[in-house]
């Protein structure tokens, strides 16, 4: 499966019996590596968090909030299907929030 940075995927939430959505933030170089059986993602949820949250725009493929302070490793086999790509402005805002969360310049 080709996994792309900035893409939104429906994922299998095996531990919670259902599905959800995530946005992939790991690099395309990592995602394409033959050893990459996990990617780094941020969950898309229904409510903003206390900090480091970005609201998705109407033009994005799903609605909700991304918690930039909650990165999670996701097994590639949990990714059920790609539902679209975030618009550039949304993804740039998310990456900026991740930098702020990590204290990076």
N, C-alpha and C. Protein backbone atom coordinates (compact mmCIF):
# COMPACT_ATOMS: atom_id res chain seq x y z
N UNK A 1 0.84 -1.18 0.00
CA UNK A 1 0.00 0.00 0.00
C UNK A 1 0.89 1.25 0.00
N UNK A 2 0.60 2.18 -0.90
CA UNK A 2 1.31 3.45 -0.91
C UNK A 2 0.66 4.38 0.10
N UNK A 3 1.45 4.84 1.07
CA UNK A 3 0.96 5.74 2.11
C UNK A 3 1.61 7.10 1.89
N UNK A 4 0.81 8.14 1.85
CA UNK A 4 1.27 9.47 1.51
C UNK A 4 1.10 10.44 2.68
N UNK A 5 2.15 11.22 2.90
CA UNK A 5 2.10 12.26 3.94
C UNK A 5 1.01 13.27 3.59
N UNK A 6 0.19 13.62 4.58
CA UNK A 6 -0.90 14.57 4.37
C UNK A 6 -2.21 13.91 3.98
N UNK A 7 -2.18 12.59 3.77
CA UNK A 7 -3.40 11.88 3.40
C UNK A 7 -4.21 11.52 4.64
N UNK A 8 -5.51 11.48 4.47
CA UNK A 8 -6.42 11.05 5.52
C UNK A 8 -6.84 9.62 5.21
N UNK A 9 -6.72 8.77 6.20
CA UNK A 9 -7.10 7.37 6.06
C UNK A 9 -8.15 6.98 7.08
N UNK A 10 -9.05 6.12 6.65
CA UNK A 10 -9.94 5.44 7.59
C UNK A 10 -9.11 4.30 8.17
N UNK A 11 -9.15 4.15 9.50
CA UNK A 11 -8.36 3.09 10.12
C UNK A 11 -9.23 2.18 10.97
N UNK A 12 -8.73 0.99 11.16
CA UNK A 12 -9.37 -0.01 12.01
C UNK A 12 -8.94 0.24 13.45
N UNK A 13 -9.89 0.58 14.30
CA UNK A 13 -9.60 0.79 15.72
C UNK A 13 -9.91 -0.51 16.47
N UNK A 14 -9.10 -1.49 16.26
CA UNK A 14 -9.35 -2.83 16.80
C UNK A 14 -9.63 -2.80 18.29
N UNK A 15 -8.90 -1.97 19.03
CA UNK A 15 -9.09 -1.95 20.48
C UNK A 15 -10.42 -1.33 20.88
N UNK A 16 -11.02 -0.53 19.99
CA UNK A 16 -12.29 0.13 20.32
C UNK A 16 -13.45 -0.35 19.46
N UNK A 17 -13.23 -1.39 18.70
CA UNK A 17 -14.29 -1.97 17.87
C UNK A 17 -14.95 -0.95 16.96
N UNK A 18 -14.25 -0.53 15.97
CA UNK A 18 -14.82 0.40 15.01
C UNK A 18 -13.75 0.98 14.11
N UNK A 19 -14.10 2.09 13.48
CA UNK A 19 -13.15 2.76 12.60
C UNK A 19 -13.03 4.22 13.01
N UNK A 20 -11.98 4.86 12.55
CA UNK A 20 -11.74 6.27 12.79
C UNK A 20 -10.93 6.83 11.65
N UNK A 21 -10.50 8.06 11.79
CA UNK A 21 -9.68 8.70 10.76
C UNK A 21 -8.40 9.25 11.37
N UNK A 22 -7.35 9.21 10.57
CA UNK A 22 -6.05 9.79 10.94
C UNK A 22 -5.49 10.52 9.73
N UNK A 23 -4.56 11.45 10.02
CA UNK A 23 -3.78 12.08 8.96
C UNK A 23 -2.34 11.63 9.13
N UNK A 24 -1.70 11.24 8.04
CA UNK A 24 -0.33 10.74 8.08
C UNK A 24 0.64 11.92 8.12
N UNK A 25 1.58 11.89 9.10
CA UNK A 25 2.58 12.97 9.18
C UNK A 25 4.00 12.48 8.96
N UNK A 26 4.23 11.16 8.92
CA UNK A 26 5.58 10.68 8.65
C UNK A 26 5.95 10.98 7.20
N UNK A 27 7.26 11.08 6.95
CA UNK A 27 7.73 11.48 5.63
C UNK A 27 7.41 10.42 4.57
N UNK A 28 7.28 10.88 3.34
CA UNK A 28 7.05 9.94 2.24
C UNK A 28 8.22 8.98 2.07
N UNK A 29 9.45 9.45 2.37
CA UNK A 29 10.62 8.57 2.29
C UNK A 29 10.49 7.42 3.28
N UNK A 30 10.07 7.72 4.50
CA UNK A 30 9.86 6.66 5.49
C UNK A 30 8.71 5.76 5.05
N UNK A 31 7.60 6.36 4.65
CA UNK A 31 6.40 5.59 4.30
C UNK A 31 6.65 4.61 3.16
N UNK A 32 7.55 4.97 2.24
CA UNK A 32 7.84 4.12 1.08
C UNK A 32 8.92 3.07 1.36
N UNK A 33 9.61 3.17 2.49
CA UNK A 33 10.69 2.24 2.78
C UNK A 33 10.14 0.82 2.96
N UNK A 34 10.87 -0.18 2.47
CA UNK A 34 10.38 -1.56 2.55
C UNK A 34 10.20 -2.06 3.99
N UNK A 35 10.92 -1.47 4.94
CA UNK A 35 10.81 -1.89 6.34
C UNK A 35 9.67 -1.19 7.08
N UNK A 36 9.04 -0.22 6.46
CA UNK A 36 8.05 0.62 7.15
C UNK A 36 6.72 -0.11 7.27
N UNK A 37 6.55 -0.83 8.37
CA UNK A 37 5.26 -1.46 8.62
C UNK A 37 4.40 -0.60 9.54
N UNK A 38 4.96 0.55 9.98
CA UNK A 38 4.23 1.54 10.77
C UNK A 38 4.49 2.93 10.22
N UNK A 39 3.49 3.78 10.34
CA UNK A 39 3.62 5.18 9.96
C UNK A 39 3.21 6.02 11.15
N UNK A 40 3.60 7.29 11.15
CA UNK A 40 3.22 8.19 12.23
C UNK A 40 2.01 9.00 11.78
N UNK A 41 1.02 9.03 12.65
CA UNK A 41 -0.24 9.69 12.29
C UNK A 41 -0.77 10.51 13.46
N UNK A 42 -1.71 11.38 13.13
CA UNK A 42 -2.43 12.14 14.15
C UNK A 42 -3.91 11.80 14.03
N UNK A 43 -4.57 11.53 15.15
CA UNK A 43 -5.99 11.20 15.10
C UNK A 43 -6.84 12.42 14.74
N UNK A 44 -7.93 12.15 14.06
CA UNK A 44 -8.93 13.17 13.77
C UNK A 44 -10.13 12.86 14.66
N UNK A 45 -10.51 13.83 15.48
CA UNK A 45 -11.55 13.62 16.49
C UNK A 45 -12.63 14.68 16.36
N UNK A 46 -13.68 14.53 17.15
CA UNK A 46 -14.83 15.42 17.05
C UNK A 46 -14.74 16.72 17.81
N UNK A 47 -13.82 16.81 18.77
CA UNK A 47 -13.75 18.01 19.62
C UNK A 47 -12.31 18.50 19.72
N UNK A 48 -12.14 19.81 19.92
CA UNK A 48 -10.78 20.32 20.10
C UNK A 48 -10.19 19.86 21.42
N UNK A 49 -8.89 19.75 21.45
CA UNK A 49 -8.19 19.43 22.69
C UNK A 49 -7.86 20.71 23.44
N UNK A 50 -7.21 20.57 24.59
CA UNK A 50 -6.88 21.77 25.36
C UNK A 50 -5.82 22.64 24.70
N UNK A 51 -4.99 22.06 23.88
CA UNK A 51 -3.94 22.81 23.19
C UNK A 51 -3.50 22.04 21.95
N UNK A 52 -2.83 22.72 21.04
CA UNK A 52 -2.24 22.10 19.85
C UNK A 52 -3.29 21.40 18.97
N UNK A 53 -4.46 22.00 18.84
CA UNK A 53 -5.52 21.43 18.01
C UNK A 53 -5.74 22.30 16.78
N UNK A 54 -6.04 21.63 15.66
CA UNK A 54 -6.31 22.32 14.41
C UNK A 54 -7.65 21.83 13.89
N UNK A 55 -8.55 22.78 13.60
CA UNK A 55 -9.84 22.41 13.03
C UNK A 55 -9.70 22.22 11.53
N UNK A 56 -10.25 21.12 11.03
CA UNK A 56 -10.21 20.87 9.59
C UNK A 56 -11.17 21.82 8.88
N UNK A 57 -10.84 22.18 7.66
CA UNK A 57 -11.62 23.12 6.87
C UNK A 57 -12.71 22.40 6.08
N UNK A 58 -13.67 23.18 5.58
CA UNK A 58 -14.77 22.60 4.79
C UNK A 58 -14.28 21.86 3.56
N UNK A 59 -13.15 22.30 3.00
CA UNK A 59 -12.64 21.68 1.77
C UNK A 59 -11.83 20.41 2.04
N UNK A 60 -11.56 20.11 3.32
CA UNK A 60 -10.85 18.87 3.65
C UNK A 60 -11.80 17.68 3.50
N UNK A 61 -11.27 16.47 3.33
CA UNK A 61 -12.13 15.32 3.04
C UNK A 61 -13.01 14.85 4.20
N UNK A 62 -12.67 15.22 5.43
CA UNK A 62 -13.49 14.88 6.60
C UNK A 62 -13.56 16.11 7.50
N UNK A 63 -14.48 16.08 8.44
CA UNK A 63 -14.59 17.17 9.40
C UNK A 63 -14.01 16.73 10.73
N UNK A 64 -13.69 17.68 11.58
CA UNK A 64 -13.20 17.36 12.90
C UNK A 64 -11.99 18.18 13.28
N UNK A 65 -11.29 17.70 14.27
CA UNK A 65 -10.10 18.36 14.82
C UNK A 65 -8.93 17.39 14.82
N UNK A 66 -7.75 17.92 14.54
CA UNK A 66 -6.52 17.14 14.63
C UNK A 66 -5.78 17.61 15.87
N UNK A 67 -5.42 16.68 16.73
CA UNK A 67 -4.66 16.99 17.93
C UNK A 67 -3.18 16.78 17.61
N UNK A 68 -2.49 17.87 17.33
CA UNK A 68 -1.08 17.80 16.92
C UNK A 68 -0.18 17.32 18.05
N UNK A 69 -0.64 17.34 19.26
CA UNK A 69 0.15 16.87 20.40
C UNK A 69 -0.08 15.41 20.72
N UNK A 70 -0.72 14.67 19.82
CA UNK A 70 -1.06 13.27 20.10
C UNK A 70 -0.64 12.34 18.96
N UNK A 71 0.65 12.41 18.52
CA UNK A 71 1.06 11.52 17.42
C UNK A 71 1.05 10.05 17.86
N UNK A 72 0.62 9.19 16.95
CA UNK A 72 0.55 7.76 17.26
C UNK A 72 1.14 6.94 16.11
N UNK A 73 1.88 5.88 16.44
CA UNK A 73 2.31 4.96 15.38
C UNK A 73 1.12 4.10 14.97
N UNK A 74 0.95 3.93 13.68
CA UNK A 74 -0.16 3.13 13.15
C UNK A 74 0.42 2.06 12.24
N UNK A 75 0.02 0.82 12.46
CA UNK A 75 0.44 -0.25 11.56
C UNK A 75 -0.23 -0.05 10.20
N UNK A 76 0.53 -0.24 9.16
CA UNK A 76 0.01 -0.04 7.80
C UNK A 76 -1.20 -0.94 7.57
N UNK A 77 -1.22 -2.13 8.15
CA UNK A 77 -2.36 -3.01 7.93
C UNK A 77 -3.63 -2.55 8.65
N UNK A 78 -3.53 -1.50 9.49
CA UNK A 78 -4.72 -0.90 10.11
C UNK A 78 -5.38 0.12 9.18
N UNK A 79 -4.64 0.59 8.16
CA UNK A 79 -5.18 1.58 7.23
C UNK A 79 -6.14 0.88 6.27
N UNK A 80 -7.39 1.24 6.33
CA UNK A 80 -8.41 0.58 5.52
C UNK A 80 -8.52 1.18 4.13
N UNK A 81 -8.59 2.52 4.06
CA UNK A 81 -8.65 3.17 2.75
C UNK A 81 -8.31 4.65 2.91
N UNK A 82 -7.74 5.20 1.85
CA UNK A 82 -7.47 6.63 1.83
C UNK A 82 -8.75 7.34 1.43
N UNK A 83 -9.14 8.35 2.21
CA UNK A 83 -10.37 9.08 1.90
C UNK A 83 -10.10 10.44 1.27
N UNK A 84 -8.83 10.83 1.18
CA UNK A 84 -8.49 12.08 0.53
C UNK A 84 -7.23 12.69 1.12
N UNK A 85 -6.91 13.88 0.64
CA UNK A 85 -5.74 14.63 1.10
C UNK A 85 -6.21 15.91 1.77
N UNK A 86 -5.51 16.31 2.84
CA UNK A 86 -5.79 17.60 3.44
C UNK A 86 -5.32 18.70 2.50
N UNK A 87 -6.01 19.84 2.51
CA UNK A 87 -5.55 20.96 1.70
C UNK A 87 -4.24 21.47 2.27
N UNK A 88 -3.45 22.09 1.42
CA UNK A 88 -2.12 22.54 1.83
C UNK A 88 -2.10 23.42 3.06
N UNK A 89 -3.05 24.37 3.15
CA UNK A 89 -3.08 25.29 4.29
C UNK A 89 -3.38 24.54 5.59
N UNK A 90 -4.26 23.58 5.54
CA UNK A 90 -4.58 22.80 6.74
C UNK A 90 -3.36 22.00 7.19
N UNK A 91 -2.73 21.31 6.24
CA UNK A 91 -1.59 20.48 6.61
C UNK A 91 -0.43 21.32 7.12
N UNK A 92 -0.21 22.49 6.52
CA UNK A 92 0.85 23.38 6.99
C UNK A 92 0.58 23.83 8.42
N UNK A 93 -0.67 24.13 8.74
CA UNK A 93 -1.02 24.53 10.10
C UNK A 93 -0.79 23.38 11.09
N UNK A 94 -1.12 22.17 10.68
CA UNK A 94 -0.91 20.99 11.54
C UNK A 94 0.58 20.80 11.81
N UNK A 95 1.40 20.86 10.76
CA UNK A 95 2.84 20.66 10.93
C UNK A 95 3.43 21.75 11.82
N UNK A 96 2.94 22.98 11.69
CA UNK A 96 3.40 24.07 12.56
C UNK A 96 3.04 23.78 14.01
N UNK A 97 1.85 23.24 14.25
CA UNK A 97 1.45 22.88 15.62
C UNK A 97 2.32 21.74 16.16
N UNK A 98 2.67 20.78 15.32
CA UNK A 98 3.56 19.69 15.75
C UNK A 98 4.91 20.27 16.15
N UNK A 99 5.43 21.20 15.35
CA UNK A 99 6.71 21.86 15.70
C UNK A 99 6.61 22.57 17.04
N UNK A 100 5.51 23.30 17.25
CA UNK A 100 5.32 24.00 18.53
C UNK A 100 5.26 23.00 19.68
N UNK A 101 4.53 21.91 19.48
CA UNK A 101 4.39 20.88 20.52
C UNK A 101 5.75 20.28 20.90
N UNK A 102 6.59 20.06 19.89
CA UNK A 102 7.91 19.47 20.12
C UNK A 102 8.99 20.50 20.48
N UNK A 103 8.64 21.78 20.41
CA UNK A 103 9.61 22.82 20.71
C UNK A 103 10.68 22.98 19.65
N UNK A 104 10.33 22.70 18.40
CA UNK A 104 11.27 22.80 17.30
C UNK A 104 11.18 24.18 16.65
N UNK A 105 12.26 24.66 16.07
CA UNK A 105 12.20 25.97 15.40
C UNK A 105 11.37 25.92 14.13
